[in-house]
Full PDB file with SEQRES, HELIX, SHEET, SSBOND, CRYST1, ORIGX, SCALE, CONECT and MASTER records, all heavy atoms in Angstrom:
SEQRES   1 A   40  THR TRP TRP HIS TRP ILE PRO ILE ILE VAL VAL ILE VAL          
SEQRES   2 A   40  VAL ASP PHE HIS TRP LEU ALA LYS ALA CYS GLU SER LEU          
SEQRES   3 A   40  PRO THR GLY THR VAL TYR ALA VAL PHE ALA ALA VAL GLY          
SEQRES   4 A   40  THR                                                          
HELIX    1 AA1 TRP A    2  HIS A    4  5                                   3    
HELIX    2 AA2 TRP A    5  SER A   25  1                                  21    
HELIX    3 AA3 THR A   28  GLY A   39  1                                  12    
CRYST1    1.000    1.000    1.000  90.00  90.00  90.00 P 1           1          
ORIGX1      1.000000  0.000000  0.000000        0.00000                         
ORIGX2      0.000000  1.000000  0.000000        0.00000                         
ORIGX3      0.000000  0.000000  1.000000        0.00000                         
SCALE1      1.000000  0.000000  0.000000        0.00000                         
SCALE2      0.000000  1.000000  0.000000        0.00000                         
SCALE3      0.000000  0.000000  1.000000        0.00000                         
ATOM      1  N   THR A   1      42.972 -84.308 -37.714  1.00  0.00           N  
ATOM      2  CA  THR A   1      42.219 -84.054 -38.998  1.00  0.00           C  
ATOM      3  C   THR A   1      42.117 -85.441 -39.628  1.00  0.00           C  
ATOM      4  O   THR A   1      42.844 -86.335 -39.312  1.00  0.00           O  
ATOM      5  CB  THR A   1      42.984 -83.090 -39.955  1.00  0.00           C  
ATOM      6  OG1 THR A   1      44.236 -83.674 -40.292  1.00  0.00           O  
ATOM      7  CG2 THR A   1      43.182 -81.753 -39.294  1.00  0.00           C  
ATOM      8  N   TRP A   2      41.267 -85.506 -40.680  1.00  0.00           N  
ATOM      9  CA  TRP A   2      40.986 -86.751 -41.362  1.00  0.00           C  
ATOM     10  C   TRP A   2      42.183 -87.429 -41.939  1.00  0.00           C  
ATOM     11  O   TRP A   2      42.330 -88.640 -41.929  1.00  0.00           O  
ATOM     12  CB  TRP A   2      39.798 -86.627 -42.398  1.00  0.00           C  
ATOM     13  CG  TRP A   2      40.308 -85.824 -43.534  1.00  0.00           C  
ATOM     14  CD1 TRP A   2      40.176 -84.486 -43.672  1.00  0.00           C  
ATOM     15  CD2 TRP A   2      40.931 -86.323 -44.707  1.00  0.00           C  
ATOM     16  NE1 TRP A   2      40.710 -84.024 -44.929  1.00  0.00           N  
ATOM     17  CE2 TRP A   2      41.264 -85.200 -45.602  1.00  0.00           C  
ATOM     18  CE3 TRP A   2      41.366 -87.590 -45.134  1.00  0.00           C  
ATOM     19  CZ2 TRP A   2      41.877 -85.406 -46.802  1.00  0.00           C  
ATOM     20  CZ3 TRP A   2      41.932 -87.644 -46.335  1.00  0.00           C  
ATOM     21  CH2 TRP A   2      42.209 -86.589 -47.209  1.00  0.00           C  
ATOM     22  N   TRP A   3      43.076 -86.609 -42.514  1.00  0.00           N  
ATOM     23  CA  TRP A   3      44.208 -87.170 -43.184  1.00  0.00           C  
ATOM     24  C   TRP A   3      45.290 -87.707 -42.212  1.00  0.00           C  
ATOM     25  O   TRP A   3      46.151 -88.506 -42.613  1.00  0.00           O  
ATOM     26  CB  TRP A   3      44.854 -86.275 -44.103  1.00  0.00           C  
ATOM     27  CG  TRP A   3      45.408 -84.905 -43.588  1.00  0.00           C  
ATOM     28  CD1 TRP A   3      44.641 -83.692 -43.410  1.00  0.00           C  
ATOM     29  CD2 TRP A   3      46.698 -84.712 -43.054  1.00  0.00           C  
ATOM     30  NE1 TRP A   3      45.447 -82.772 -42.860  1.00  0.00           N  
ATOM     31  CE2 TRP A   3      46.741 -83.374 -42.531  1.00  0.00           C  
ATOM     32  CE3 TRP A   3      47.799 -85.464 -42.940  1.00  0.00           C  
ATOM     33  CZ2 TRP A   3      47.779 -82.778 -41.955  1.00  0.00           C  
ATOM     34  CZ3 TRP A   3      49.000 -84.883 -42.264  1.00  0.00           C  
ATOM     35  CH2 TRP A   3      48.896 -83.563 -41.807  1.00  0.00           C  
ATOM     36  N   HIS A   4      45.226 -87.377 -40.967  1.00  0.00           N  
ATOM     37  CA  HIS A   4      46.056 -87.989 -39.971  1.00  0.00           C  
ATOM     38  C   HIS A   4      45.845 -89.536 -39.789  1.00  0.00           C  
ATOM     39  O   HIS A   4      46.692 -90.319 -39.333  1.00  0.00           O  
ATOM     40  CB  HIS A   4      45.958 -87.358 -38.565  1.00  0.00           C  
ATOM     41  CG  HIS A   4      46.466 -86.003 -38.512  1.00  0.00           C  
ATOM     42  ND1 HIS A   4      46.227 -85.116 -37.437  1.00  0.00           N  
ATOM     43  CD2 HIS A   4      47.384 -85.320 -39.278  1.00  0.00           C  
ATOM     44  CE1 HIS A   4      46.821 -83.995 -37.690  1.00  0.00           C  
ATOM     45  NE2 HIS A   4      47.537 -84.063 -38.744  1.00  0.00           N  
ATOM     46  N   TRP A   5      44.567 -89.909 -40.116  1.00  0.00           N  
ATOM     47  CA  TRP A   5      44.208 -91.284 -39.976  1.00  0.00           C  
ATOM     48  C   TRP A   5      44.843 -92.180 -41.042  1.00  0.00           C  
ATOM     49  O   TRP A   5      44.864 -93.361 -40.762  1.00  0.00           O  
ATOM     50  CB  TRP A   5      42.655 -91.392 -39.942  1.00  0.00           C  
ATOM     51  CG  TRP A   5      42.158 -90.777 -38.695  1.00  0.00           C  
ATOM     52  CD1 TRP A   5      41.669 -89.582 -38.504  1.00  0.00           C  
ATOM     53  CD2 TRP A   5      42.097 -91.353 -37.277  1.00  0.00           C  
ATOM     54  NE1 TRP A   5      41.366 -89.241 -37.133  1.00  0.00           N  
ATOM     55  CE2 TRP A   5      41.631 -90.517 -36.459  1.00  0.00           C  
ATOM     56  CE3 TRP A   5      42.491 -92.710 -36.884  1.00  0.00           C  
ATOM     57  CZ2 TRP A   5      41.487 -90.668 -35.083  1.00  0.00           C  
ATOM     58  CZ3 TRP A   5      42.289 -92.881 -35.608  1.00  0.00           C  
ATOM     59  CH2 TRP A   5      41.765 -91.939 -34.746  1.00  0.00           C  
ATOM     60  N   ILE A   6      45.170 -91.630 -42.169  1.00  0.00           N  
ATOM     61  CA  ILE A   6      45.785 -92.392 -43.216  1.00  0.00           C  
ATOM     62  C   ILE A   6      47.030 -93.157 -42.722  1.00  0.00           C  
ATOM     63  O   ILE A   6      47.075 -94.389 -42.842  1.00  0.00           O  
ATOM     64  CB  ILE A   6      46.039 -91.583 -44.514  1.00  0.00           C  
ATOM     65  CG1 ILE A   6      44.627 -91.195 -45.111  1.00  0.00           C  
ATOM     66  CG2 ILE A   6      46.771 -92.432 -45.560  1.00  0.00           C  
ATOM     67  CD1 ILE A   6      44.786 -90.089 -46.147  1.00  0.00           C  
ATOM     68  N   PRO A   7      48.045 -92.508 -42.171  1.00  0.00           N  
ATOM     69  CA  PRO A   7      49.213 -93.240 -41.710  1.00  0.00           C  
ATOM     70  C   PRO A   7      48.909 -94.157 -40.544  1.00  0.00           C  
ATOM     71  O   PRO A   7      49.503 -95.224 -40.416  1.00  0.00           O  
ATOM     72  CB  PRO A   7      50.283 -92.160 -41.291  1.00  0.00           C  
ATOM     73  CG  PRO A   7      49.489 -90.856 -41.251  1.00  0.00           C  
ATOM     74  CD  PRO A   7      48.242 -91.066 -42.099  1.00  0.00           C  
ATOM     75  N   ILE A   8      47.952 -93.772 -39.753  1.00  0.00           N  
ATOM     76  CA  ILE A   8      47.456 -94.617 -38.603  1.00  0.00           C  
ATOM     77  C   ILE A   8      46.965 -95.927 -39.033  1.00  0.00           C  
ATOM     78  O   ILE A   8      47.353 -97.041 -38.628  1.00  0.00           O  
ATOM     79  CB  ILE A   8      46.465 -93.943 -37.723  1.00  0.00           C  
ATOM     80  CG1 ILE A   8      47.256 -92.787 -37.035  1.00  0.00           C  
ATOM     81  CG2 ILE A   8      45.956 -94.867 -36.663  1.00  0.00           C  
ATOM     82  CD1 ILE A   8      46.180 -91.791 -36.307  1.00  0.00           C  
ATOM     83  N   ILE A   9      46.151 -95.877 -40.141  1.00  0.00           N  
ATOM     84  CA  ILE A   9      45.552 -97.078 -40.696  1.00  0.00           C  
ATOM     85  C   ILE A   9      46.716 -97.974 -41.351  1.00  0.00           C  
ATOM     86  O   ILE A   9      46.668 -99.233 -41.212  1.00  0.00           O  
ATOM     87  CB  ILE A   9      44.459 -96.762 -41.737  1.00  0.00           C  
ATOM     88  CG1 ILE A   9      43.265 -96.150 -40.954  1.00  0.00           C  
ATOM     89  CG2 ILE A   9      44.068 -97.908 -42.583  1.00  0.00           C  
ATOM     90  CD1 ILE A   9      42.190 -95.533 -41.893  1.00  0.00           C  
ATOM     91  N   VAL A  10      47.623 -97.328 -41.969  1.00  0.00           N  
ATOM     92  CA  VAL A  10      48.716 -98.124 -42.563  1.00  0.00           C  
ATOM     93  C   VAL A  10      49.577 -98.773 -41.531  1.00  0.00           C  
ATOM     94  O   VAL A  10      49.833 -99.955 -41.663  1.00  0.00           O  
ATOM     95  CB  VAL A  10      49.641 -97.155 -43.428  1.00  0.00           C  
ATOM     96  CG1 VAL A  10      50.919 -97.845 -43.787  1.00  0.00           C  
ATOM     97  CG2 VAL A  10      48.848 -96.586 -44.657  1.00  0.00           C  
ATOM     98  N   VAL A  11      49.776 -98.050 -40.371  1.00  0.00           N  
ATOM     99  CA  VAL A  11      50.546 -98.690 -39.307  1.00  0.00           C  
ATOM    100  C   VAL A  11      49.727 -99.819 -38.687  1.00  0.00           C  
ATOM    101  O   VAL A  11      50.285-100.895 -38.317  1.00  0.00           O  
ATOM    102  CB  VAL A  11      50.905 -97.618 -38.210  1.00  0.00           C  
ATOM    103  CG1 VAL A  11      51.450 -98.212 -36.924  1.00  0.00           C  
ATOM    104  CG2 VAL A  11      51.913 -96.641 -38.811  1.00  0.00           C  
ATOM    105  N   ILE A  12      48.421 -99.692 -38.521  1.00  0.00           N  
ATOM    106  CA  ILE A  12      47.669-100.804 -38.113  1.00  0.00           C  
ATOM    107  C   ILE A  12      47.684-102.018 -39.000  1.00  0.00           C  
ATOM    108  O   ILE A  12      47.851-103.142 -38.542  1.00  0.00           O  
ATOM    109  CB  ILE A  12      46.188-100.320 -37.850  1.00  0.00           C  
ATOM    110  CG1 ILE A  12      46.123 -99.310 -36.698  1.00  0.00           C  
ATOM    111  CG2 ILE A  12      45.255-101.587 -37.553  1.00  0.00           C  
ATOM    112  CD1 ILE A  12      44.791 -98.705 -36.513  1.00  0.00           C  
ATOM    113  N   VAL A  13      47.620-101.912 -40.246  1.00  0.00           N  
ATOM    114  CA  VAL A  13      47.661-103.029 -41.215  1.00  0.00           C  
ATOM    115  C   VAL A  13      49.036-103.614 -41.056  1.00  0.00           C  
ATOM    116  O   VAL A  13      49.159-104.835 -41.056  1.00  0.00           O  
ATOM    117  CB  VAL A  13      47.389-102.553 -42.557  1.00  0.00           C  
ATOM    118  CG1 VAL A  13      47.739-103.628 -43.701  1.00  0.00           C  
ATOM    119  CG2 VAL A  13      45.949-102.085 -42.701  1.00  0.00           C  
ATOM    120  N   VAL A  14      50.112-102.899 -41.105  1.00  0.00           N  
ATOM    121  CA  VAL A  14      51.404-103.469 -40.919  1.00  0.00           C  
ATOM    122  C   VAL A  14      51.604-104.154 -39.555  1.00  0.00           C  
ATOM    123  O   VAL A  14      52.142-105.269 -39.464  1.00  0.00           O  
ATOM    124  CB  VAL A  14      52.506-102.392 -41.123  1.00  0.00           C  
ATOM    125  CG1 VAL A  14      53.925-102.862 -40.834  1.00  0.00           C  
ATOM    126  CG2 VAL A  14      52.517-101.801 -42.497  1.00  0.00           C  
ATOM    127  N   ASP A  15      51.037-103.557 -38.498  1.00  0.00           N  
ATOM    128  CA  ASP A  15      51.107-104.145 -37.195  1.00  0.00           C  
ATOM    129  C   ASP A  15      50.437-105.497 -37.232  1.00  0.00           C  
ATOM    130  O   ASP A  15      51.039-106.546 -36.611  1.00  0.00           O  
ATOM    131  CB  ASP A  15      50.402-103.189 -36.211  1.00  0.00           C  
ATOM    132  CG  ASP A  15      50.423-103.769 -34.825  1.00  0.00           C  
ATOM    133  OD1 ASP A  15      51.399-104.436 -34.402  1.00  0.00           O  
ATOM    134  OD2 ASP A  15      49.428-103.512 -34.086  1.00  0.00           O  
ATOM    135  N   PHE A  16      49.355-105.647 -37.707  1.00  0.00           N  
ATOM    136  CA  PHE A  16      48.587-107.010 -37.748  1.00  0.00           C  
ATOM    137  C   PHE A  16      49.290-107.969 -38.690  1.00  0.00           C  
ATOM    138  O   PHE A  16      49.274-109.170 -38.452  1.00  0.00           O  
ATOM    139  CB  PHE A  16      47.140-106.804 -38.022  1.00  0.00           C  
ATOM    140  CG  PHE A  16      46.375-106.376 -36.836  1.00  0.00           C  
ATOM    141  CD1 PHE A  16      46.106-104.944 -36.602  1.00  0.00           C  
ATOM    142  CD2 PHE A  16      45.954-107.277 -35.880  1.00  0.00           C  
ATOM    143  CE1 PHE A  16      45.470-104.624 -35.397  1.00  0.00           C  
ATOM    144  CE2 PHE A  16      45.352-106.900 -34.748  1.00  0.00           C  
ATOM    145  CZ  PHE A  16      45.076-105.556 -34.493  1.00  0.00           C  
ATOM    146  N   HIS A  17      50.057-107.470 -39.599  1.00  0.00           N  
ATOM    147  CA  HIS A  17      50.814-108.432 -40.469  1.00  0.00           C  
ATOM    148  C   HIS A  17      51.988-108.960 -39.597  1.00  0.00           C  
ATOM    149  O   HIS A  17      52.239-110.184 -39.633  1.00  0.00           O  
ATOM    150  CB  HIS A  17      51.458-107.631 -41.655  1.00  0.00           C  
ATOM    151  CG  HIS A  17      52.533-108.456 -42.370  1.00  0.00           C  
ATOM    152  ND1 HIS A  17      52.189-109.452 -43.226  1.00  0.00           N  
ATOM    153  CD2 HIS A  17      53.974-108.336 -42.392  1.00  0.00           C  
ATOM    154  CE1 HIS A  17      53.397-109.941 -43.670  1.00  0.00           C  
ATOM    155  NE2 HIS A  17      54.357-109.320 -43.215  1.00  0.00           N  
ATOM    156  N   TRP A  18      52.648-108.190 -38.827  1.00  0.00           N  
ATOM    157  CA  TRP A  18      53.705-108.649 -37.915  1.00  0.00           C  
ATOM    158  C   TRP A  18      53.104-109.596 -36.827  1.00  0.00           C  
ATOM    159  O   TRP A  18      53.772-110.574 -36.508  1.00  0.00           O  
ATOM    160  CB  TRP A  18      54.418-107.441 -37.231  1.00  0.00           C  
ATOM    161  CG  TRP A  18      55.232-106.548 -38.149  1.00  0.00           C  
ATOM    162  CD1 TRP A  18      55.142-105.193 -38.052  1.00  0.00           C  
ATOM    163  CD2 TRP A  18      56.102-106.895 -39.189  1.00  0.00           C  
ATOM    164  NE1 TRP A  18      55.973-104.693 -39.021  1.00  0.00           N  
ATOM    165  CE2 TRP A  18      56.569-105.692 -39.688  1.00  0.00           C  
ATOM    166  CE3 TRP A  18      56.562-108.131 -39.758  1.00  0.00           C  
ATOM    167  CZ2 TRP A  18      57.335-105.641 -40.780  1.00  0.00           C  
ATOM    168  CZ3 TRP A  18      57.399-108.116 -40.807  1.00  0.00           C  
ATOM    169  CH2 TRP A  18      57.830-106.862 -41.307  1.00  0.00           C  
ATOM    170  N   LEU A  19      51.954-109.292 -36.368  1.00  0.00           N  
ATOM    171  CA  LEU A  19      51.223-110.113 -35.375  1.00  0.00           C  
ATOM    172  C   LEU A  19      51.011-111.508 -35.995  1.00  0.00           C  
ATOM    173  O   LEU A  19      51.310-112.551 -35.371  1.00  0.00           O  
ATOM    174  CB  LEU A  19      49.880-109.507 -34.892  1.00  0.00           C  
ATOM    175  CG  LEU A  19      49.133-110.214 -33.837  1.00  0.00           C  
ATOM    176  CD1 LEU A  19      49.967-110.212 -32.478  1.00  0.00           C  
ATOM    177  CD2 LEU A  19      47.757-109.535 -33.657  1.00  0.00           C  
ATOM    178  N   ALA A  20      50.526-111.552 -37.292  1.00  0.00           N  
ATOM    179  CA  ALA A  20      50.277-112.835 -37.897  1.00  0.00           C  
ATOM    180  C   ALA A  20      51.557-113.549 -38.085  1.00  0.00           C  
ATOM    181  O   ALA A  20      51.707-114.818 -37.963  1.00  0.00           O  
ATOM    182  CB  ALA A  20      49.562-112.568 -39.222  1.00  0.00           C  
ATOM    183  N   LYS A  21      52.575-112.908 -38.541  1.00  0.00           N  
ATOM    184  CA  LYS A  21      53.935-113.524 -38.799  1.00  0.00           C  
ATOM    185  C   LYS A  21      54.424-114.106 -37.442  1.00  0.00           C  
ATOM    186  O   LYS A  21      55.074-115.240 -37.457  1.00  0.00           O  
ATOM    187  CB  LYS A  21      55.004-112.510 -39.305  1.00  0.00           C  
ATOM    188  CG  LYS A  21      54.633-111.983 -40.655  1.00  0.00           C  
ATOM    189  CD  LYS A  21      54.732-113.122 -41.793  1.00  0.00           C  
ATOM    190  CE  LYS A  21      56.148-113.419 -42.044  1.00  0.00           C  
ATOM    191  NZ  LYS A  21      56.285-114.492 -43.072  1.00  0.00           N  
ATOM    192  N   ALA A  22      54.318-113.476 -36.306  1.00  0.00           N  
ATOM    193  CA  ALA A  22      54.688-113.951 -35.037  1.00  0.00           C  
ATOM    194  C   ALA A  22      54.038-115.291 -34.708  1.00  0.00           C  
ATOM    195  O   ALA A  22      54.586-116.221 -34.138  1.00  0.00           O  
ATOM    196  CB  ALA A  22      54.483-112.894 -33.936  1.00  0.00           C  
ATOM    197  N   CYS A  23      52.720-115.350 -34.976  1.00  0.00           N  
ATOM    198  CA  CYS A  23      51.914-116.543 -34.756  1.00  0.00           C  
ATOM    199  C   CYS A  23      52.315-117.724 -35.632  1.00  0.00           C  
ATOM    200  O   CYS A  23      51.905-118.868 -35.317  1.00  0.00           O  
ATOM    201  CB  CYS A  23      50.474-116.231 -34.898  1.00  0.00           C  
ATOM    202  SG  CYS A  23      49.856-115.029 -33.655  1.00  0.00           S  
ATOM    203  N   GLU A  24      53.021-117.446 -36.643  1.00  0.00           N  
ATOM    204  CA  GLU A  24      53.548-118.695 -37.476  1.00  0.00           C  
ATOM    205  C   GLU A  24      54.549-119.487 -36.707  1.00  0.00           C  
ATOM    206  O   GLU A  24      54.652-120.731 -37.064  1.00  0.00           O  
ATOM    207  CB  GLU A  24      54.122-118.144 -38.785  1.00  0.00           C  
ATOM    208  CG  GLU A  24      53.092-117.581 -39.682  1.00  0.00           C  
ATOM    209  CD  GLU A  24      53.633-116.984 -40.888  1.00  0.00           C  
ATOM    210  OE1 GLU A  24      54.985-117.054 -41.145  1.00  0.00           O  
ATOM    211  OE2 GLU A  24      52.949-116.419 -41.760  1.00  0.00           O  
ATOM    212  N   SER A  25      55.323-118.921 -35.842  1.00  0.00           N  
ATOM    213  CA  SER A  25      56.438-119.721 -35.190  1.00  0.00           C  
ATOM    214  C   SER A  25      56.268-119.798 -33.697  1.00  0.00           C  
ATOM    215  O   SER A  25      57.081-120.404 -33.024  1.00  0.00           O  
ATOM    216  CB  SER A  25      57.725-119.111 -35.602  1.00  0.00           C  
ATOM    217  OG  SER A  25      57.840-117.805 -35.238  1.00  0.00           O  
ATOM    218  N   LEU A  26      55.323-119.093 -32.953  1.00  0.00           N  
ATOM    219  CA  LEU A  26      55.118-119.042 -31.605  1.00  0.00           C  
ATOM    220  C   LEU A  26      53.673-119.393 -31.337  1.00  0.00           C  
ATOM    221  O   LEU A  26      52.747-119.133 -32.220  1.00  0.00           O  
ATOM    222  CB  LEU A  26      55.431-117.705 -31.036  1.00  0.00           C  
ATOM    223  CG  LEU A  26      56.894-117.251 -31.223  1.00  0.00           C  
ATOM    224  CD1 LEU A  26      57.065-115.861 -30.714  1.00  0.00           C  
ATOM    225  CD2 LEU A  26      57.782-118.086 -30.327  1.00  0.00           C  
ATOM    226  N   PRO A  27      53.409-119.906 -30.153  1.00  0.00           N  
ATOM    227  CA  PRO A  27      51.946-120.112 -29.838  1.00  0.00           C  
ATOM    228  C   PRO A  27      51.135-118.834 -29.841  1.00  0.00           C  
ATOM    229  O   PRO A  27      51.557-117.818 -29.272  1.00  0.00           O  
ATOM    230  CB  PRO A  27      52.020-120.710 -28.360  1.00  0.00           C  
ATOM    231  CG  PRO A  27      53.411-121.203 -28.184  1.00  0.00           C  
ATOM    232  CD  PRO A  27      54.316-120.286 -29.059  1.00  0.00           C  
ATOM    233  N   THR A  28      49.998-118.926 -30.500  1.00  0.00           N  
ATOM    234  CA  THR A  28      49.139-117.773 -30.690  1.00  0.00           C  
ATOM    235  C   THR A  28      48.740-117.015 -29.307  1.00  0.00           C  
ATOM    236  O   THR A  28      48.723-115.880 -29.214  1.00  0.00           O  
ATOM    237  CB  THR A  28      47.945-118.134 -31.510  1.00  0.00           C  
ATOM    238  OG1 THR A  28      48.350-118.687 -32.711  1.00  0.00           O  
ATOM    239  CG2 THR A  28      47.026-116.923 -31.690  1.00  0.00           C  
ATOM    240  N   GLY A  29      48.464-117.945 -28.352  1.00  0.00           N  
ATOM    241  CA  GLY A  29      48.035-117.482 -27.031  1.00  0.00           C  
ATOM    242  C   GLY A  29      49.187-116.646 -26.341  1.00  0.00           C  
ATOM    243  O   GLY A  29      48.855-115.614 -25.765  1.00  0.00           O  
ATOM    244  N   THR A  30      50.347-117.131 -26.538  1.00  0.00           N  
ATOM    245  CA  THR A  30      51.482-116.417 -25.877  1.00  0.00           C  
ATOM    246  C   THR A  30      51.743-115.153 -26.622  1.00  0.00           C  
ATOM    247  O   THR A  30      51.879-114.029 -26.071  1.00  0.00           O  
ATOM    248  CB  THR A  30      52.758-117.288 -25.931  1.00  0.00           C  
ATOM    249  OG1 THR A  30      52.452-118.551 -25.243  1.00  0.00           O  
ATOM    250  CG2 THR A  30      53.954-116.616 -25.369  1.00  0.00           C  
ATOM    251  N   VAL A  31      51.699-115.131 -27.988  1.00  0.00           N  
ATOM    252  CA  VAL A  31      51.912-113.927 -28.767  1.00  0.00           C  
ATOM    253  C   VAL A  31      50.830-112.892 -28.423  1.00  0.00           C  
ATOM    254  O   VAL A  31      51.182-111.776 -28.154  1.00  0.00           O  
ATOM    255  CB  VAL A  31      51.847-114.270 -30.251  1.00  0.00           C  
ATOM    256  CG1 VAL A  31      51.809-112.999 -31.060  1.00  0.00           C  
ATOM    257  CG2 VAL A  31      53.019-115.136 -30.675  1.00  0.00           C  
ATOM    258  N   TYR A  32      49.584-113.316 -28.401  1.00  0.00           N  
ATOM    259  CA  TYR A  32      48.528-112.340 -28.074  1.00  0.00           C  
ATOM    260  C   TYR A  32      48.615-111.848 -26.616  1.00  0.00           C  
ATOM    261  O   TYR A  32      48.336-110.649 -26.405  1.00  0.00           O  
ATOM    262  CB  TYR A  32      47.110-112.966 -28.379  1.00  0.00           C  
ATOM    263  CG  TYR A  32      46.084-111.864 -28.248  1.00  0.00           C  
ATOM    264  CD1 TYR A  32      45.941-110.889 -29.192  1.00  0.00           C  
ATOM    265  CD2 TYR A  32      45.323-111.748 -27.115  1.00  0.00           C  
ATOM    266  CE1 TYR A  32      45.084-109.882 -29.158  1.00  0.00           C  
ATOM    267  CE2 TYR A  32      44.339-110.738 -27.025  1.00  0.00           C  
ATOM    268  CZ  TYR A  32      44.225-109.797 -28.009  1.00  0.00           C  
ATOM    269  OH  TYR A  32      43.366-108.698 -27.886  1.00  0.00           O  
ATOM    270  N   ALA A  33      49.003-112.704 -25.768  1.00  0.00           N  
ATOM    271  CA  ALA A  33      49.142-112.181 -24.342  1.00  0.00           C  
ATOM    272  C   ALA A  33      50.214-111.134 -24.251  1.00  0.00           C  
ATOM    273  O   ALA A  33      50.012-110.119 -23.646  1.00  0.00           O  
ATOM    274  CB  ALA A  33      49.355-113.389 -23.426  1.00  0.00           C  
ATOM    275  N   VAL A  34      51.349-111.408 -24.845  1.00  0.00           N  
ATOM    276  CA  VAL A  34      52.429-110.362 -24.818  1.00  0.00           C  
ATOM    277  C   VAL A  34      51.971-109.136 -25.573  1.00  0.00           C  
ATOM    278  O   VAL A  34      52.214-108.041 -24.989  1.00  0.00           O  
ATOM    279  CB  VAL A  34      53.767-111.029 -25.398  1.00  0.00           C  
ATOM    280  CG1 VAL A  34      54.728-109.856 -25.652  1.00  0.00           C  
ATOM    281  CG2 VAL A  34      54.241-112.145 -24.627  1.00  0.00           C  
ATOM    282  N   PHE A  35      51.366-109.249 -26.771  1.00  0.00           N  
ATOM    283  CA  PHE A  35      50.871-108.137 -27.479  1.00  0.00           C  
ATOM    284  C   PHE A  35      49.904-107.281 -26.653  1.00  0.00           C  
ATOM    285  O   PHE A  35      50.011-106.022 -26.592  1.00  0.00           O  
ATOM    286  CB  PHE A  35      50.161-108.650 -28.774  1.00  0.00           C  
ATOM    287  CG  PHE A  35      49.498-107.603 -29.595  1.00  0.00           C  
ATOM    288  CD1 PHE A  35      50.136-106.833 -30.484  1.00  0.00           C  
ATOM    289  CD2 PHE A  35      48.080-107.566 -29.631  1.00  0.00           C  
ATOM    290  CE1 PHE A  35      49.543-105.905 -31.286  1.00  0.00           C  
ATOM    291  CE2 PHE A  35      47.474-106.653 -30.393  1.00  0.00           C  
ATOM    292  CZ  PHE A  35      48.112-105.799 -31.271  1.00  0.00           C  
ATOM    293  N   ALA A  36      48.932-107.918 -26.043  1.00  0.00           N  
ATOM    294  CA  ALA A  36      47.953-107.203 -25.214  1.00  0.00           C  
ATOM    295  C   ALA A  36      48.553-106.594 -24.031  1.00  0.00           C  
ATOM    296  O   ALA A  36      48.190-105.462 -23.673  1.00  0.00           O  
ATOM    297  CB  ALA A  36      46.818-108.149 -24.815  1.00  0.00           C  
ATOM    298  N   ALA A  37      49.443-107.336 -23.327  1.00  0.00           N  
ATOM    299  CA  ALA A  37      50.047-106.789 -22.103  1.00  0.00           C  
ATOM    300  C   ALA A  37      50.912-105.520 -22.433  1.00  0.00           C  
ATOM    301  O   ALA A  37      50.903-104.549 -21.729  1.00  0.00           O  
ATOM    302  CB  ALA A  37      50.911-107.848 -21.449  1.00  0.00           C  
ATOM    303  N   VAL A  38      51.753-105.652 -23.566  1.00  0.00           N  
ATOM    304  CA  VAL A  38      52.634-104.547 -23.875  1.00  0.00           C  
ATOM    305  C   VAL A  38      51.745-103.387 -24.246  1.00  0.00           C  
ATOM    306  O   VAL A  38      52.001-102.243 -23.892  1.00  0.00           O  
ATOM    307  CB  VAL A  38      53.633-105.028 -24.959  1.00  0.00           C  
ATOM    308  CG1 VAL A  38      54.295-103.744 -25.503  1.00  0.00           C  
ATOM    309  CG2 VAL A  38      54.651-105.904 -24.370  1.00  0.00           C  
ATOM    310  N   GLY A  39      50.707-103.659 -25.027  1.00  0.00           N  
ATOM    311  CA  GLY A  39      49.819-102.515 -25.428  1.00  0.00           C  
ATOM    312  C   GLY A  39      49.126-101.877 -24.213  1.00  0.00           C  
ATOM    313  O   GLY A  39      49.040-100.660 -24.162  1.00  0.00           O  
ATOM    314  N   THR A  40      48.683-102.653 -23.277  1.00  0.00           N  
ATOM    315  CA  THR A  40      47.992-102.127 -22.109  1.00  0.00           C  
ATOM    316  C   THR A  40      48.924-101.389 -21.265  1.00  0.00           C  
ATOM    317  O   THR A  40      48.643-100.233 -20.903  1.00  0.00           O  
ATOM    318  CB  THR A  40      47.308-103.253 -21.353  1.00  0.00           C  
ATOM    319  OG1 THR A  40      46.429-103.992 -22.162  1.00  0.00           O  
ATOM    320  CG2 THR A  40      46.563-102.815 -20.106  1.00  0.00           C  
TER     321      THR A  40                                                      
MASTER        0    0    0    3    0    0    0    6  320    1    0    4          
END                                                                             
């Protein structure tokens, strides 16, 4: 239902915050490669 998407959107926003924080201290290419591989 439509309201199920509210927590999903919150999780996505928090997720991309953690992704950005990881890129502050690690090479972005490595962070994204791990992120994409684990996701896939």
